[in-house]
Amino acid sequence: MTVGLNGLCGQARDAGLDIRPLLLDVKNPWWVAGGFAIELAVGRRIRDHGDVDVLLLRRDQLAVQQALPDWEWWAADPPGSLRPSASDEALPESVHDIWCRPGPGEPRRIQIMLDESHGQQWVSRRDPRVRRPLAKLGLISTDGIPYLAPEVQLFYKAKEPRPKDETDLAAALPVLTDDQRHWLVHAITQAYGAHPWVSRLCVDTNNATGGTRGVLGVDSQVHP
């Protein structure tokens, strides 16, 4: 089953939200992130979702707020306390997550994740050495939905994997290319050190034959 715009919006509506105004009206770069990004990469439904994650560059946060003028924005101040955020507030670099809801009493349905950039380079907030050109940060689905490249999304999920992150990794492994695996192994090792996902990423399984094509070198350079 292909996960397209209608399917994505339909799943969001199941959670009480139609996300089409956000997806279609924002002109600044944005990418569907989280578990939905993995589903768009693999082309099928993997699991249920409580909200929709969207990655934005920090420099574009005010433009996106203007696209949702009637929504409430709740910033997650470290170490994780939520507070209301004004529509014209430029959040500091210490704040990376914003939860949004349509109005008072409504559930929070969109999680905005702010990330850093330098010129035309995306710079990971986890480790500034991990970066890539903005033009290669995401992909476009067959329905025209921009979504975070699966190796970048898995890099974020790898910090402290939860059961749902393990589910997303297992679903993504068969579709990751060698270049994507090389990049992810290097990024994980560089940012987090020894990690249990590395051994799973280094074995490139050929699903068509049930055999193993080879082992990826863990000391490979990051592919942009």
Protein backbone atom coordinates (compact mmCIF):
# COMPACT_ATOMS: atom_id res chain seq x y z
CA MET A 1 0.00 0.00 0.00
CA THR A 2 1.38 3.39 -1.01
CA VAL A 3 1.19 6.06 1.65
CA GLY A 4 0.19 9.26 -0.16
CA LEU A 5 -1.20 12.65 0.80
CA ASN A 6 -4.73 11.33 1.23
CA GLY A 7 -3.52 8.44 3.35
CA LEU A 8 -1.35 10.70 5.46
CA CYS A 9 -4.18 13.15 5.98
CA GLY A 10 -6.57 10.31 6.65
CA GLN A 11 -4.37 8.90 9.40
CA ALA A 12 -4.02 12.38 10.86
CA ARG A 13 -7.79 12.80 10.80
CA ASP A 14 -8.07 9.56 12.75
CA ALA A 15 -6.10 11.42 15.42
CA GLY A 16 -8.45 14.40 15.10
CA LEU A 17 -6.54 16.54 12.60
CA ASP A 18 -6.62 17.43 8.92
CA ILE A 19 -3.05 18.51 8.17
CA ARG A 20 -3.60 19.63 4.59
CA PRO A 21 -3.52 23.38 5.39
CA LEU A 22 -0.06 22.96 6.88
CA LEU A 23 1.24 20.71 4.15
CA LEU A 24 -0.04 22.77 1.26
CA ASP A 25 0.22 26.38 2.43
CA VAL A 26 3.69 26.64 3.95
CA LYS A 27 6.12 27.91 1.31
CA ASN A 28 9.30 27.58 3.35
CA PRO A 29 11.11 24.23 3.32
CA TRP A 30 9.53 21.61 5.57
CA TRP A 31 9.61 17.86 5.78
CA VAL A 32 7.24 15.30 7.26
CA ALA A 33 9.29 13.58 9.95
CA GLY A 34 9.00 10.88 12.61
CA GLY A 35 7.22 7.63 11.91
CA PHE A 36 5.29 9.10 8.99
CA ALA A 37 8.60 9.84 7.21
CA ILE A 38 9.58 6.19 7.54
CA GLU A 39 6.18 5.10 6.19
CA LEU A 40 6.55 7.40 3.20
CA ALA A 41 9.99 5.90 2.57
CA VAL A 42 8.81 2.29 2.70
CA GLY A 43 5.46 2.96 1.02
CA ARG A 44 3.21 1.27 3.55
CA ARG A 45 1.54 1.70 6.91
CA ILE A 46 3.74 0.53 9.79
CA ARG A 47 2.01 1.54 13.00
CA ASP A 48 -0.41 3.99 14.60
CA HIS A 49 0.51 7.63 15.24
CA GLY A 50 -0.68 10.04 17.90
CA ASP A 51 0.36 13.17 16.00
CA VAL A 52 2.20 14.38 12.92
CA ASP A 53 5.87 15.39 13.15
CA VAL A 54 7.16 18.16 10.89
CA LEU A 55 10.80 19.22 10.66
CA LEU A 56 11.51 22.91 10.04
CA LEU A 57 14.63 24.98 9.93
CA ARG A 58 14.86 27.28 12.92
CA ARG A 59 15.24 30.27 10.63
CA ASP A 60 11.75 29.60 9.19
CA GLN A 61 9.83 29.19 12.45
CA LEU A 62 8.02 32.54 12.32
CA ALA A 63 6.82 31.98 8.77
CA VAL A 64 5.26 28.70 9.80
CA GLN A 65 3.57 30.27 12.82
CA GLN A 66 1.99 32.77 10.46
CA ALA A 67 0.56 29.90 8.45
CA LEU A 68 -1.26 28.64 11.56
CA PRO A 69 -2.44 31.91 13.14
CA ASP A 70 -5.30 30.40 15.12
CA TRP A 71 -3.34 27.51 16.57
CA GLU A 72 -1.79 27.34 20.03
CA TRP A 73 1.95 26.76 20.12
CA TRP A 74 3.56 25.16 23.18
CA ALA A 75 7.33 25.30 23.41
CA ALA A 76 9.25 22.60 25.26
CA ASP A 77 11.75 24.41 27.45
CA PRO A 78 14.61 22.21 28.68
CA PRO A 79 14.44 19.82 30.37
CA GLY A 80 10.94 19.38 28.94
CA SER A 81 8.41 21.74 30.56
CA LEU A 82 5.76 23.04 28.16
CA ARG A 83 4.84 26.70 28.02
CA PRO A 84 2.72 28.78 25.64
CA SER A 85 4.67 30.39 22.82
CA ALA A 86 3.59 33.71 21.31
CA SER A 87 2.97 33.82 17.56
CA ASP A 88 5.83 36.28 17.05
CA GLU A 89 8.30 34.65 19.44
CA ALA A 90 11.63 33.57 17.97
CA LEU A 91 12.48 30.59 20.14
CA PRO A 92 16.05 30.24 21.44
CA GLU A 93 18.41 27.52 20.25
CA SER A 94 17.77 25.56 23.44
CA VAL A 95 14.18 24.90 22.32
CA HIS A 96 13.85 22.23 19.63
CA ASP A 97 10.28 20.98 19.98
CA ILE A 98 6.91 22.72 19.72
CA TRP A 99 3.57 21.03 20.20
CA CYS A 100 0.62 22.60 18.39
CA ARG A 101 -3.11 22.27 18.84
CA PRO A 102 -6.05 23.88 17.01
CA GLY A 103 -7.37 25.63 20.13
CA PRO A 104 -7.98 25.48 23.88
CA GLY A 105 -9.03 22.06 25.09
CA GLU A 106 -7.97 20.37 21.86
CA PRO A 107 -5.31 17.62 21.85
CA ARG A 108 -1.86 18.54 20.61
CA ARG A 109 -1.74 17.12 17.10
CA ILE A 110 1.39 18.49 15.44
CA GLN A 111 4.91 18.33 16.77
CA ILE A 112 7.20 20.87 15.15
CA MET A 113 10.89 20.01 15.39
CA LEU A 114 13.30 22.88 14.82
CA ASP A 115 16.71 22.12 13.41
CA GLU A 116 19.74 24.18 12.60
CA SER A 117 21.25 25.27 9.32
CA HIS A 118 24.25 27.13 7.99
CA GLY A 119 23.74 28.61 4.57
CA GLN A 120 22.53 25.75 2.39
CA GLN A 121 23.67 23.10 4.88
CA TRP A 122 21.50 21.28 7.40
CA VAL A 123 23.36 20.99 10.70
CA SER A 124 22.24 18.39 13.22
CA ARG A 125 21.42 19.73 16.65
CA ARG A 126 22.73 16.46 18.09
CA ASP A 127 26.22 16.93 16.70
CA PRO A 128 27.22 19.85 14.43
CA ARG A 129 29.67 17.58 12.60
CA VAL A 130 26.69 15.71 11.17
CA ARG A 131 25.39 17.75 8.26
CA ARG A 132 24.37 17.58 4.62
CA PRO A 133 23.12 19.89 1.87
CA LEU A 134 19.53 21.02 2.38
CA ALA A 135 18.74 19.82 -1.13
CA LYS A 136 19.55 16.27 0.01
CA LEU A 137 17.92 16.39 3.44
CA GLY A 138 14.64 14.96 2.23
CA LEU A 139 12.82 13.17 -0.54
CA ILE A 140 9.52 13.72 -2.34
CA SER A 141 6.82 11.07 -2.32
CA THR A 142 4.93 10.09 -5.45
CA ASP A 143 2.13 12.35 -4.23
CA GLY A 144 4.47 15.31 -3.83
CA ILE A 145 4.90 15.17 -0.05
CA PRO A 146 8.33 16.30 1.18
CA TYR A 147 9.64 13.96 3.87
CA LEU A 148 12.84 13.56 5.81
CA ALA A 149 15.25 11.08 4.27
CA PRO A 150 14.93 7.82 6.22
CA GLU A 151 18.60 7.70 7.20
CA VAL A 152 18.34 11.20 8.72
CA GLN A 153 15.17 10.32 10.62
CA LEU A 154 16.74 7.08 11.87
CA PHE A 155 19.79 9.02 13.02
CA TYR A 156 17.56 10.99 15.39
CA LYS A 157 15.70 7.88 16.49
CA ALA A 158 18.99 6.14 17.29
CA LYS A 159 19.89 8.37 20.24
CA GLU A 160 17.68 6.51 22.74
CA PRO A 161 15.63 3.99 20.74
CA ARG A 162 12.12 3.25 21.98
CA PRO A 163 10.07 0.24 20.88
CA LYS A 164 8.44 2.27 18.11
CA ASP A 165 11.89 3.34 16.88
CA GLU A 166 12.96 -0.29 16.68
CA THR A 167 9.81 -0.98 14.68
CA ASP A 168 10.63 1.86 12.30
CA LEU A 169 14.22 0.65 11.86
CA ALA A 170 13.09 -2.89 11.06
CA ALA A 171 10.65 -1.55 8.46
CA ALA A 172 13.25 0.75 6.85
CA LEU A 173 16.17 -1.68 6.67
CA PRO A 174 15.01 -3.47 3.49
CA VAL A 175 14.69 -0.22 1.53
CA LEU A 176 17.88 1.57 2.66
CA THR A 177 20.51 1.84 -0.05
CA ASP A 178 24.19 1.19 0.59
CA ASP A 179 24.87 4.93 0.55
CA GLN A 180 22.11 5.57 3.09
CA ARG A 181 23.48 2.84 5.35
CA HIS A 182 27.03 4.20 5.06
CA TRP A 183 25.84 7.68 5.99
CA LEU A 184 23.75 6.45 8.92
CA VAL A 185 26.47 4.20 10.34
CA HIS A 186 29.00 7.01 10.20
CA ALA A 187 26.59 9.59 11.67
CA ILE A 188 25.53 7.29 14.53
CA THR A 189 29.10 6.34 15.37
CA GLN A 190 30.27 9.94 15.21
CA ALA A 191 27.48 11.34 17.38
CA TYR A 192 26.66 8.47 19.76
CA GLY A 193 29.69 6.17 19.78
CA ALA A 194 29.19 2.39 19.94
CA HIS A 195 25.60 1.55 19.10
CA PRO A 196 23.60 -1.69 18.71
CA TRP A 197 22.10 -0.53 15.40
CA VAL A 198 25.47 -0.45 13.66
CA SER A 199 25.76 -4.22 13.30
CA ARG A 200 22.25 -4.39 11.84
CA LEU A 201 23.01 -1.64 9.36
CA CYS A 202 26.33 -3.13 8.28
CA VAL A 203 24.76 -6.37 7.07
CA ASP A 204 23.09 -5.60 3.75
CA THR A 205 20.38 -8.22 3.31
CA ASN A 206 19.15 -9.14 -0.14
CA ASN A 207 15.45 -9.68 0.46
CA ALA A 208 14.85 -10.97 -3.02
CA THR A 209 17.08 -14.02 -2.55
CA GLY A 210 17.17 -14.30 1.22
CA GLY A 211 20.96 -14.10 1.07
CA THR A 212 23.56 -11.57 2.13
CA ARG A 213 25.22 -9.37 -0.46
CA GLY A 214 27.96 -8.08 1.75
CA VAL A 215 29.03 -6.12 4.79
CA LEU A 216 29.32 -2.34 4.83
CA GLY A 217 32.48 -0.80 6.25
CA VAL A 218 31.78 1.14 9.46
CA ASP A 219 34.65 3.54 8.82
CA SER A 220 33.16 4.86 5.57
CA GLN A 221 32.83 8.58 5.00
CA VAL A 222 29.49 10.35 5.30
CA HIS A 223 27.78 10.61 1.93
CA PRO A 224 26.19 14.04 1.49
